[in-house]
């Protein structure tokens, strides 16, 4: 059932896309920043799996939002440090934005008090 969730599939596809990109980071960074990027993307996928199984999805959805923001920051850092080409960064940003939109829809569905501006003030 989880595989039918679009956000799960988009996150899984992001992971498949990220691994070869990170593998081309300079050797000194593959096991530092590259590892953090891979781990954060895996965390995102794991949180989605846990959210799917949870009765109360609120906590997991907020955790997914935080993990997504952290992943965005790490990817941006990789681009700014020139470990990632601009085109690769743009592709990553597009994928991350798509996941963020899907997450926003889930949060509106499962967190009645959720509004984007109210959530940003809490976070």
C-alpha atoms as a PDB file:
ATOM      1  CA  UNK A   1       0.000   0.000   0.000  1.00  0.00           C
ATOM      2  CA  UNK A   2       2.835   2.401   0.820  1.00  0.00           C
ATOM      3  CA  UNK A   3       4.280   2.016  -2.655  1.00  0.00           C
ATOM      4  CA  UNK A   4       1.017   3.505  -3.958  1.00  0.00           C
ATOM      5  CA  UNK A   5       1.652   6.770  -2.106  1.00  0.00           C
ATOM      6  CA  UNK A   6       3.040   9.289  -4.585  1.00  0.00           C
ATOM      7  CA  UNK A   7       5.225  10.946  -1.933  1.00  0.00           C
ATOM      8  CA  UNK A   8       6.815   7.588  -1.094  1.00  0.00           C
ATOM      9  CA  UNK A   9       7.587   6.884  -4.753  1.00  0.00           C
ATOM     10  CA  UNK A  10       8.983  10.401  -5.324  1.00  0.00           C
ATOM     11  CA  UNK A  11      11.206  10.067  -2.262  1.00  0.00           C
ATOM     12  CA  UNK A  12      12.374   6.617  -3.350  1.00  0.00           C
ATOM     13  CA  UNK A  13      13.145   7.990  -6.822  1.00  0.00           C
ATOM     14  CA  UNK A  14      15.073  10.871  -5.229  1.00  0.00           C
ATOM     15  CA  UNK A  15      17.221   8.343  -3.384  1.00  0.00           C
ATOM     16  CA  UNK A  16      17.904   6.407  -6.575  1.00  0.00           C
ATOM     17  CA  UNK A  17      18.894   9.657  -8.279  1.00  0.00           C
ATOM     18  CA  UNK A  18      21.005  10.964  -5.351  1.00  0.00           C
ATOM     19  CA  UNK A  19      23.310   7.979  -4.886  1.00  0.00           C
ATOM     20  CA  UNK A  20      25.185   8.297  -8.212  1.00  0.00           C
ATOM     21  CA  UNK A  21      25.382  12.083  -7.787  1.00  0.00           C
ATOM     22  CA  UNK A  22      26.894  11.787  -4.312  1.00  0.00           C
ATOM     23  CA  UNK A  23      29.255   9.084  -5.554  1.00  0.00           C
ATOM     24  CA  UNK A  24      30.855  11.738  -7.788  1.00  0.00           C
ATOM     25  CA  UNK A  25      31.604  14.088  -4.880  1.00  0.00           C
ATOM     26  CA  UNK A  26      35.314  14.573  -4.152  1.00  0.00           C
ATOM     27  CA  UNK A  27      36.598  11.539  -2.280  1.00  0.00           C
ATOM     28  CA  UNK A  28      37.171  13.573   0.875  1.00  0.00           C
ATOM     29  CA  UNK A  29      33.501  14.631   0.932  1.00  0.00           C
ATOM     30  CA  UNK A  30      31.817  11.402  -0.180  1.00  0.00           C
ATOM     31  CA  UNK A  31      32.033  10.113   3.373  1.00  0.00           C
ATOM     32  CA  UNK A  32      31.282  13.432   5.048  1.00  0.00           C
ATOM     33  CA  UNK A  33      28.712  15.643   3.334  1.00  0.00           C
ATOM     34  CA  UNK A  34      27.761  12.936   0.853  1.00  0.00           C
ATOM     35  CA  UNK A  35      27.041  10.482   3.655  1.00  0.00           C
ATOM     36  CA  UNK A  36      24.929  13.069   5.478  1.00  0.00           C
ATOM     37  CA  UNK A  37      22.881  13.694   2.338  1.00  0.00           C
ATOM     38  CA  UNK A  38      22.312   9.983   1.778  1.00  0.00           C
ATOM     39  CA  UNK A  39      21.425   9.412   5.445  1.00  0.00           C
ATOM     40  CA  UNK A  40      18.982  12.320   5.533  1.00  0.00           C
ATOM     41  CA  UNK A  41      17.256  11.074   2.377  1.00  0.00           C
ATOM     42  CA  UNK A  42      17.016   7.600   3.948  1.00  0.00           C
ATOM     43  CA  UNK A  43      15.623   9.166   7.128  1.00  0.00           C
ATOM     44  CA  UNK A  44      12.973  10.849   5.020  1.00  0.00           C
ATOM     45  CA  UNK A  45      11.943   7.546   3.475  1.00  0.00           C
ATOM     46  CA  UNK A  46      11.893   5.792   6.860  1.00  0.00           C
ATOM     47  CA  UNK A  47       9.747   8.520   8.391  1.00  0.00           C
ATOM     48  CA  UNK A  48       7.286   8.146   5.526  1.00  0.00           C
ATOM     49  CA  UNK A  49       7.058   4.419   6.231  1.00  0.00           C
ATOM     50  CA  UNK A  50       6.479   5.093   9.938  1.00  0.00           C
ATOM     51  CA  UNK A  51       3.902   7.792   9.211  1.00  0.00           C
ATOM     52  CA  UNK A  52       1.985   5.381   6.999  1.00  0.00           C
ATOM     53  CA  UNK A  53       1.803   2.836   9.826  1.00  0.00           C
ATOM     54  CA  UNK A  54       1.035   5.323  12.613  1.00  0.00           C
ATOM     55  CA  UNK A  55      -2.453   5.967  13.880  1.00  0.00           C
ATOM     56  CA  UNK A  56      -1.519   9.560  14.760  1.00  0.00           C
ATOM     57  CA  UNK A  57       0.453  10.852  11.802  1.00  0.00           C
ATOM     58  CA  UNK A  58       0.971  14.386  13.143  1.00  0.00           C
ATOM     59  CA  UNK A  59       4.355  13.811  14.813  1.00  0.00           C
ATOM     60  CA  UNK A  60       5.751  11.869  11.875  1.00  0.00           C
ATOM     61  CA  UNK A  61       4.596  14.437   9.331  1.00  0.00           C
ATOM     62  CA  UNK A  62       6.307  17.200  11.274  1.00  0.00           C
ATOM     63  CA  UNK A  63       9.451  15.065  11.447  1.00  0.00           C
ATOM     64  CA  UNK A  64       9.281  14.523   7.698  1.00  0.00           C
ATOM     65  CA  UNK A  65       9.023  18.269   7.193  1.00  0.00           C
ATOM     66  CA  UNK A  66      12.112  18.867   9.328  1.00  0.00           C
ATOM     67  CA  UNK A  67      14.079  16.108   7.565  1.00  0.00           C
ATOM     68  CA  UNK A  68      13.087  17.593   4.208  1.00  0.00           C
ATOM     69  CA  UNK A  69      14.323  21.050   5.259  1.00  0.00           C
ATOM     70  CA  UNK A  70      17.584  19.545   6.488  1.00  0.00           C
ATOM     71  CA  UNK A  71      18.047  17.650   3.224  1.00  0.00           C
ATOM     72  CA  UNK A  72      17.388  20.809   1.209  1.00  0.00           C
ATOM     73  CA  UNK A  73      20.055  22.620   3.220  1.00  0.00           C
ATOM     74  CA  UNK A  74      22.624  19.859   2.732  1.00  0.00           C
ATOM     75  CA  UNK A  75      21.976  19.718  -1.013  1.00  0.00           C
ATOM     76  CA  UNK A  76      22.315  23.490  -1.264  1.00  0.00           C
ATOM     77  CA  UNK A  77      25.601  23.320   0.651  1.00  0.00           C
ATOM     78  CA  UNK A  78      26.884  20.663  -1.764  1.00  0.00           C
ATOM     79  CA  UNK A  79      26.022  22.965  -4.674  1.00  0.00           C
ATOM     80  CA  UNK A  80      27.641  26.010  -3.037  1.00  0.00           C
ATOM     81  CA  UNK A  81      30.804  23.994  -2.366  1.00  0.00           C
ATOM     82  CA  UNK A  82      30.770  22.959  -6.043  1.00  0.00           C
ATOM     83  CA  UNK A  83      30.423  19.253  -5.271  1.00  0.00           C
ATOM     84  CA  UNK A  84      27.267  19.283  -7.355  1.00  0.00           C
ATOM     85  CA  UNK A  85      26.780  20.890 -10.749  1.00  0.00           C
ATOM     86  CA  UNK A  86      24.179  23.636 -11.070  1.00  0.00           C
ATOM     87  CA  UNK A  87      22.020  21.435 -13.304  1.00  0.00           C
ATOM     88  CA  UNK A  88      22.150  18.621 -10.751  1.00  0.00           C
ATOM     89  CA  UNK A  89      21.196  21.057  -7.999  1.00  0.00           C
ATOM     90  CA  UNK A  90      18.254  22.299 -10.049  1.00  0.00           C
ATOM     91  CA  UNK A  91      17.081  18.718 -10.580  1.00  0.00           C
ATOM     92  CA  UNK A  92      17.439  17.979  -6.870  1.00  0.00           C
ATOM     93  CA  UNK A  93      15.599  21.184  -5.935  1.00  0.00           C
ATOM     94  CA  UNK A  94      12.752  20.320  -8.323  1.00  0.00           C
ATOM     95  CA  UNK A  95      12.434  16.842  -6.812  1.00  0.00           C
ATOM     96  CA  UNK A  96      12.564  18.195  -3.256  1.00  0.00           C
ATOM     97  CA  UNK A  97       9.966  20.876  -4.057  1.00  0.00           C
ATOM     98  CA  UNK A  98       7.658  18.241  -5.510  1.00  0.00           C
ATOM     99  CA  UNK A  99       7.992  16.162  -2.339  1.00  0.00           C
ATOM    100  CA  UNK A 100       7.354  19.286  -0.238  1.00  0.00           C
ATOM    101  CA  UNK A 101       4.112  19.995  -2.099  1.00  0.00           C
ATOM    102  CA  UNK A 102       2.926  16.440  -1.555  1.00  0.00           C
ATOM    103  CA  UNK A 103       3.867  16.680   2.124  1.00  0.00           C
ATOM    104  CA  UNK A 104       1.940  19.934   2.441  1.00  0.00           C
ATOM    105  CA  UNK A 105      -1.150  18.159   1.119  1.00  0.00           C
ATOM    106  CA  UNK A 106      -0.719  15.350   3.648  1.00  0.00           C
ATOM    107  CA  UNK A 107      -0.256  17.799   6.492  1.00  0.00           C
ATOM    108  CA  UNK A 108      -3.415  19.677   5.528  1.00  0.00           C
ATOM    109  CA  UNK A 109      -5.264  16.348   5.496  1.00  0.00           C
ATOM    110  CA  UNK A 110      -3.987  14.889   8.776  1.00  0.00           C
ATOM    111  CA  UNK A 111      -3.298  17.994  10.880  1.00  0.00           C
ATOM    112  CA  UNK A 112      -6.536  19.980  11.098  1.00  0.00           C
ATOM    113  CA  UNK A 113      -4.860  23.081  12.550  1.00  0.00           C
ATOM    114  CA  UNK A 114      -2.136  23.069   9.873  1.00  0.00           C
ATOM    115  CA  UNK A 115      -1.580  26.143   7.768  1.00  0.00           C
ATOM    116  CA  UNK A 116       1.706  26.783   6.064  1.00  0.00           C
ATOM    117  CA  UNK A 117       2.295  30.097   7.823  1.00  0.00           C
ATOM    118  CA  UNK A 118       1.261  28.789  11.263  1.00  0.00           C
ATOM    119  CA  UNK A 119       3.497  25.748  10.881  1.00  0.00           C
ATOM    120  CA  UNK A 120       6.488  27.855   9.859  1.00  0.00           C
ATOM    121  CA  UNK A 121       6.066  29.943  13.022  1.00  0.00           C
ATOM    122  CA  UNK A 122       6.093  26.773  15.167  1.00  0.00           C
ATOM    123  CA  UNK A 123       8.970  25.091  13.385  1.00  0.00           C
END
